[in-house]
Amino acid sequence: MIDLHCHSIFSDGEFTPSELLNKAQELNLNYFAITDHNNCFAYENIDSSHFNGKLIKGVEIVTSFEGHIIEILGYGIDIHEINNWSRQNEKKEYEYAKRICDRLYDIFEEKNISYTKEKDIKERIPQEDPTGWIKLYIYQDLLKYTMNEKIIGAEILASYANFNKKGLNNPYSLLFLNEGTRFPTLREVVELIHRSKGLCFLAHLYQYNVGNHIEFLNRILKEVRLDGIETYHSSFTRQQILEINQYADNHNLYKSGGSDYHGKLKPGIKLGLDLQIKDDLITPWIDKIIG
């Protein structure tokens, strides 16, 4: 069995890389990847000697396409190339986190949304994953005030994932931040992963706020050369899994899959997936990156 999509403390996950490997070992996973957002820091000092399966070097990079925030998974990458790129963007990311804080607080004031007014909050933003930290802090703070559900919407506040995808990144939400210009372009991300000797996969297609997902995917593939698609994900329905697997077959695209496990941040998601993804899903391409 495999799980090629999860997050450690080096982005927005609960557990250290070693703790994740222990969990993967307990589940007897044969292939496993840690895919933190925009960095491969988890792999710099990792000890995988206690994991009997194959640890695949992975990353999940946030980008935008047609104004929509989307994510690209890279497998078999040169971690030094990705981490050098990530460190070059650290200062810019820290300043952006401060701007997010200001923008959201302006929205809260305008829409009479309740929140905790802390004067020193921007001074406490950590350098590591600053944007993720401030978003999570603000989300958890909003939950303290039950009246916010009526203004913002119960669905948006139902989970941190919904807060991001159906709130901050949804043009129809009053919390919309229009973050598209913050991220590198889709072409830049694909070129970065390919330059670092990795394979590119589109992550969790059906989570994006687009009308027709297949038409959206068609437009992406006209723009860039992807190697594959994530065809199994914890958020997909059975019908979506059938549809996207058939699409991959028809377009000669590699397939991948994973839980998108974060720990307590997404409490309903289990490492390894209840779907139990079999090794043969990645047989057509796995030797290209570990052979």
Protein backbone atom coordinates (compact mmCIF):
# COMPACT_ATOMS: atom_id res chain seq x y z
CA MET A 1 0.00 0.00 0.00
CA ILE A 2 1.07 3.59 -0.57
CA ASP A 3 0.49 7.11 0.73
CA LEU A 4 2.25 9.80 -1.26
CA HIS A 5 0.64 12.90 0.23
CA CYS A 6 1.05 14.04 3.84
CA HIS A 7 2.44 16.96 5.82
CA SER A 8 4.88 17.32 8.69
CA ILE A 9 5.68 20.12 11.14
CA PHE A 10 7.74 21.74 8.37
CA SER A 11 4.51 23.04 6.84
CA ASP A 12 1.12 22.63 8.50
CA GLY A 13 1.24 19.10 9.86
CA GLU A 14 1.16 17.93 13.48
CA PHE A 15 3.98 15.38 13.49
CA THR A 16 7.73 15.37 12.89
CA PRO A 17 9.09 13.50 9.86
CA SER A 18 10.33 10.69 12.13
CA GLU A 19 6.91 10.35 13.76
CA LEU A 20 5.29 10.13 10.33
CA LEU A 21 7.74 7.43 9.30
CA ASN A 22 6.88 5.49 12.46
CA LYS A 23 3.20 5.69 11.55
CA ALA A 24 3.93 4.60 7.98
CA GLN A 25 5.89 1.63 9.34
CA GLU A 26 3.02 0.65 11.65
CA LEU A 27 0.70 0.67 8.63
CA ASN A 28 3.17 -1.43 6.62
CA LEU A 29 3.18 1.08 3.78
CA ASN A 30 5.47 0.11 0.92
CA TYR A 31 5.82 3.61 -0.52
CA PHE A 32 5.55 6.83 1.44
CA ALA A 33 6.16 10.54 0.76
CA ILE A 34 6.15 13.64 2.93
CA THR A 35 4.91 16.51 0.76
CA ASP A 36 5.21 19.69 2.78
CA HIS A 37 4.09 22.98 1.27
CA ASN A 38 6.79 24.77 -0.70
CA ASN A 39 9.78 23.06 0.94
CA CYS A 40 11.60 19.77 1.48
CA PHE A 41 13.06 20.61 4.89
CA ALA A 42 11.68 17.34 6.29
CA TYR A 43 14.24 15.44 4.23
CA GLU A 44 17.37 17.34 5.24
CA ASN A 45 18.12 15.33 8.38
CA ILE A 46 15.64 12.48 8.22
CA ASP A 47 16.59 8.97 9.38
CA SER A 48 14.58 6.44 7.39
CA SER A 49 16.48 3.37 8.60
CA HIS A 50 13.52 2.23 10.71
CA PHE A 51 11.12 2.40 7.74
CA ASN A 52 11.07 -0.82 5.73
CA GLY A 53 9.30 0.71 2.73
CA LYS A 54 10.55 3.19 0.13
CA LEU A 55 10.62 6.84 1.17
CA ILE A 56 9.92 9.04 -1.86
CA LYS A 57 11.19 12.62 -1.77
CA GLY A 58 8.18 14.85 -2.32
CA VAL A 59 6.86 18.40 -2.15
CA GLU A 60 3.56 20.23 -2.71
CA ILE A 61 4.00 23.68 -4.24
CA VAL A 62 1.25 26.25 -4.25
CA THR A 63 0.67 28.15 -7.48
CA SER A 64 -2.18 29.78 -9.37
CA PHE A 65 -3.87 29.28 -12.71
CA GLU A 66 -6.53 31.57 -14.16
CA GLY A 67 -6.75 33.26 -10.76
CA HIS A 68 -7.42 29.98 -8.91
CA ILE A 69 -5.08 28.71 -6.20
CA ILE A 70 -3.97 25.19 -7.10
CA GLU A 71 -1.19 22.86 -5.95
CA ILE A 72 1.38 20.75 -7.76
CA LEU A 73 2.97 17.66 -6.24
CA GLY A 74 6.57 16.90 -7.13
CA TYR A 75 8.13 13.45 -6.64
CA GLY A 76 11.73 12.34 -6.89
CA ILE A 77 12.97 15.92 -6.74
CA ASP A 78 16.39 17.24 -5.81
CA ILE A 79 15.60 18.49 -2.30
CA HIS A 80 18.50 20.95 -2.33
CA GLU A 81 17.16 22.67 -5.44
CA ILE A 82 13.69 23.00 -3.88
CA ASN A 83 15.01 24.13 -0.49
CA ASN A 84 17.31 26.75 -2.02
CA TRP A 85 14.30 28.13 -3.88
CA SER A 86 12.23 28.01 -0.68
CA ARG A 87 14.81 29.88 1.41
CA GLN A 88 15.07 32.62 -1.19
CA ASN A 89 11.35 33.23 -0.69
CA GLU A 90 11.33 33.14 3.14
CA LYS A 91 11.61 36.89 3.76
CA LYS A 92 8.98 37.69 1.15
CA GLU A 93 6.67 35.09 2.71
CA TYR A 94 7.09 36.60 6.18
CA GLU A 95 6.08 40.06 4.96
CA TYR A 96 3.15 38.56 3.08
CA ALA A 97 1.89 36.90 6.27
CA LYS A 98 1.75 40.32 7.92
CA ARG A 99 -0.26 41.72 5.00
CA ILE A 100 -2.71 38.82 5.23
CA CYS A 101 -3.26 39.63 8.89
CA ASP A 102 -3.97 43.29 8.09
CA ARG A 103 -6.28 42.44 5.20
CA LEU A 104 -8.36 39.94 7.17
CA TYR A 105 -8.68 42.27 10.15
CA ASP A 106 -9.92 44.98 7.79
CA ILE A 107 -12.55 42.56 6.48
CA PHE A 108 -13.58 41.64 10.02
CA GLU A 109 -14.07 45.28 10.95
CA GLU A 110 -16.04 45.98 7.77
CA LYS A 111 -18.31 42.92 8.15
CA ASN A 112 -18.72 43.06 11.95
CA ILE A 113 -16.96 39.72 12.39
CA SER A 114 -15.81 39.07 15.95
CA TYR A 115 -12.10 38.43 16.59
CA THR A 116 -9.47 38.92 19.28
CA LYS A 117 -7.71 42.25 18.88
CA GLU A 118 -4.06 41.63 19.73
CA LYS A 119 -1.70 44.52 19.07
CA ASP A 120 1.43 42.37 19.01
CA ILE A 121 0.15 39.51 16.86
CA LYS A 122 2.34 40.45 13.89
CA GLU A 123 5.41 40.46 16.13
CA ARG A 124 4.74 36.83 17.10
CA ILE A 125 4.49 35.42 13.58
CA PRO A 126 7.23 32.75 13.26
CA GLN A 127 9.70 32.75 10.39
CA GLU A 128 8.90 29.10 9.60
CA ASP A 129 5.67 28.77 7.57
CA PRO A 130 4.52 32.28 8.59
CA THR A 131 1.53 32.40 6.25
CA GLY A 132 0.27 29.00 7.35
CA TRP A 133 0.69 30.00 10.99
CA ILE A 134 -1.24 33.27 10.73
CA LYS A 135 -4.08 31.66 8.78
CA LEU A 136 -4.40 28.85 11.34
CA TYR A 137 -4.24 31.31 14.24
CA ILE A 138 -6.96 33.50 12.74
CA TYR A 139 -9.16 30.49 11.92
CA GLN A 140 -8.93 29.15 15.47
CA ASP A 141 -9.63 32.62 16.85
CA LEU A 142 -12.79 32.99 14.73
CA LEU A 143 -14.13 29.74 16.19
CA LYS A 144 -14.17 31.30 19.66
CA TYR A 145 -17.12 33.49 18.65
CA THR A 146 -20.25 31.50 17.80
CA MET A 147 -21.91 34.49 16.14
CA ASN A 148 -19.33 34.35 13.33
CA GLU A 149 -21.00 31.27 11.89
CA LYS A 150 -24.02 33.32 10.79
CA ILE A 151 -21.87 35.93 9.06
CA ILE A 152 -19.12 33.81 7.52
CA GLY A 153 -21.06 30.57 7.02
CA ALA A 154 -21.03 27.26 8.86
CA GLU A 155 -19.45 25.39 5.95
CA ILE A 156 -16.46 27.73 5.74
CA LEU A 157 -15.82 27.45 9.47
CA ALA A 158 -16.40 23.69 9.58
CA SER A 159 -12.69 22.95 9.09
CA TYR A 160 -9.39 24.66 8.45
CA ALA A 161 -9.34 23.16 4.96
CA ASN A 162 -12.74 24.74 4.22
CA PHE A 163 -11.57 28.04 5.70
CA ASN A 164 -8.75 28.11 3.13
CA LYS A 165 -10.41 26.67 0.05
CA LYS A 166 -14.03 27.81 0.48
CA GLY A 167 -13.21 31.03 2.29
CA LEU A 168 -9.86 32.68 1.62
CA ASN A 169 -9.46 31.26 -1.88
CA ASN A 170 -13.09 31.43 -3.01
CA PRO A 171 -14.00 34.53 -5.08
CA TYR A 172 -17.60 34.24 -3.86
CA SER A 173 -16.67 34.34 -0.17
CA LEU A 174 -16.56 37.56 1.86
CA LEU A 175 -13.14 36.36 3.14
CA PHE A 176 -11.66 36.14 -0.36
CA LEU A 177 -8.05 37.35 -0.37
CA ASN A 178 -7.23 37.06 -4.09
CA GLU A 179 -3.89 35.41 -3.34
CA GLY A 180 -3.21 34.46 -6.95
CA THR A 181 -0.56 37.13 -7.47
CA ARG A 182 1.36 35.97 -4.40
CA PHE A 183 2.42 32.64 -5.86
CA PRO A 184 4.77 31.66 -8.67
CA THR A 185 3.01 30.92 -11.94
CA LEU A 186 1.99 27.41 -12.86
CA ARG A 187 4.63 27.33 -15.58
CA GLU A 188 7.33 28.45 -13.12
CA VAL A 189 6.40 25.71 -10.65
CA VAL A 190 6.36 22.96 -13.28
CA GLU A 191 9.72 24.14 -14.63
CA LEU A 192 11.15 24.19 -11.08
CA ILE A 193 10.09 20.60 -10.40
CA HIS A 194 11.32 19.34 -13.76
CA ARG A 195 14.59 21.25 -13.32
CA SER A 196 15.02 19.48 -9.99
CA LYS A 197 14.67 16.13 -11.79
CA GLY A 198 11.17 15.47 -10.44
CA LEU A 199 7.81 14.43 -11.84
CA CYS A 200 4.82 16.82 -11.66
CA PHE A 201 1.34 15.75 -10.56
CA LEU A 202 -1.74 17.95 -10.14
CA ALA A 203 -3.00 17.61 -6.56
CA HIS A 204 -6.66 17.02 -5.53
CA LEU A 205 -8.43 18.40 -8.62
CA TYR A 206 -11.92 18.30 -7.12
CA GLN A 207 -11.05 20.61 -4.23
CA TYR A 208 -10.70 23.64 -6.49
CA ASN A 209 -13.48 26.23 -6.76
CA VAL A 210 -14.05 25.86 -10.49
CA GLY A 211 -17.21 25.08 -12.42
CA ASN A 212 -16.29 22.09 -14.56
CA HIS A 213 -13.23 20.32 -13.16
CA ILE A 214 -12.45 18.31 -16.28
CA GLU A 215 -12.58 21.39 -18.51
CA PHE A 216 -10.33 23.16 -16.00
CA LEU A 217 -7.88 20.26 -16.16
CA ASN A 218 -7.93 20.38 -19.96
CA ARG A 219 -6.92 24.03 -19.86
CA ILE A 220 -4.10 23.30 -17.40
CA LEU A 221 -2.69 20.63 -19.69
CA LYS A 222 -2.76 23.04 -22.62
CA GLU A 223 -0.68 25.44 -20.54
CA VAL A 224 1.96 23.05 -19.11
CA ARG A 225 3.27 19.51 -19.40
CA LEU A 226 2.25 17.56 -16.32
CA ASP A 227 3.50 14.03 -15.80
CA GLY A 228 0.46 12.85 -13.90
CA ILE A 229 -2.58 13.47 -11.70
CA GLU A 230 -3.43 12.60 -8.11
CA THR A 231 -6.26 10.14 -8.80
CA TYR A 232 -6.87 9.05 -5.19
CA HIS A 233 -7.39 11.57 -2.40
CA SER A 234 -9.22 11.49 0.92
CA SER A 235 -11.72 14.11 -0.26
CA PHE A 236 -12.72 12.35 -3.50
CA THR A 237 -16.00 10.53 -3.95
CA ARG A 238 -16.08 7.11 -5.60
CA GLN A 239 -17.46 8.68 -8.75
CA GLN A 240 -14.69 11.26 -8.83
CA ILE A 241 -12.07 8.54 -8.41
CA LEU A 242 -13.51 6.61 -11.34
CA GLU A 243 -13.71 9.74 -13.49
CA ILE A 244 -10.17 10.98 -12.86
CA ASN A 245 -8.60 7.53 -13.25
CA GLN A 246 -10.34 7.14 -16.59
CA TYR A 247 -9.13 10.59 -17.61
CA ALA A 248 -5.53 9.65 -16.74
CA ASP A 249 -5.83 6.46 -18.79
CA ASN A 250 -7.24 8.32 -21.78
CA HIS A 251 -4.50 10.98 -21.69
CA ASN A 252 -1.51 8.73 -20.88
CA LEU A 253 -0.89 10.43 -17.55
CA TYR A 254 0.77 8.81 -14.55
CA LYS A 255 -1.32 8.32 -11.40
CA SER A 256 -0.65 8.99 -7.74
CA GLY A 257 -2.61 9.08 -4.53
CA GLY A 258 -2.48 9.93 -0.87
CA SER A 259 -4.38 10.87 2.23
CA ASP A 260 -3.25 14.52 2.58
CA TYR A 261 -2.75 13.70 6.25
CA HIS A 262 -2.08 16.64 8.60
CA GLY A 263 -2.89 15.15 12.00
CA LYS A 264 -5.18 17.17 14.27
CA LEU A 265 -5.46 19.99 11.72
CA LYS A 266 -7.61 17.68 9.59
CA PRO A 267 -8.90 15.23 12.19
CA GLY A 268 -11.13 13.24 9.85
CA ILE A 269 -8.26 12.11 7.64
CA LYS A 270 -6.25 8.97 8.36
CA LEU A 271 -2.73 8.26 7.17
CA GLY A 272 -2.77 5.53 4.55
CA LEU A 273 -6.37 6.22 3.50
CA ASP A 274 -9.29 3.94 4.08
CA LEU A 275 -9.16 3.39 0.32
CA GLN A 276 -5.88 1.46 0.68
CA ILE A 277 -4.11 2.44 -2.52
CA LYS A 278 -2.23 -0.46 -4.06
CA ASP A 279 1.40 -0.33 -5.19
CA ASP A 280 0.59 -1.05 -8.81
CA LEU A 281 -0.94 2.44 -9.18
CA ILE A 282 2.59 3.87 -9.35
CA THR A 283 4.37 0.95 -11.07
CA PRO A 284 4.55 2.78 -14.45
CA TRP A 285 6.67 5.61 -13.01
CA ILE A 286 8.18 4.84 -9.63
CA ASP A 287 11.38 3.30 -11.01
CA LYS A 288 12.06 6.50 -12.94
CA ILE A 289 12.72 8.36 -9.69
CA ILE A 290 14.22 5.71 -7.42
CA GLY A 291 15.99 3.46 -9.93
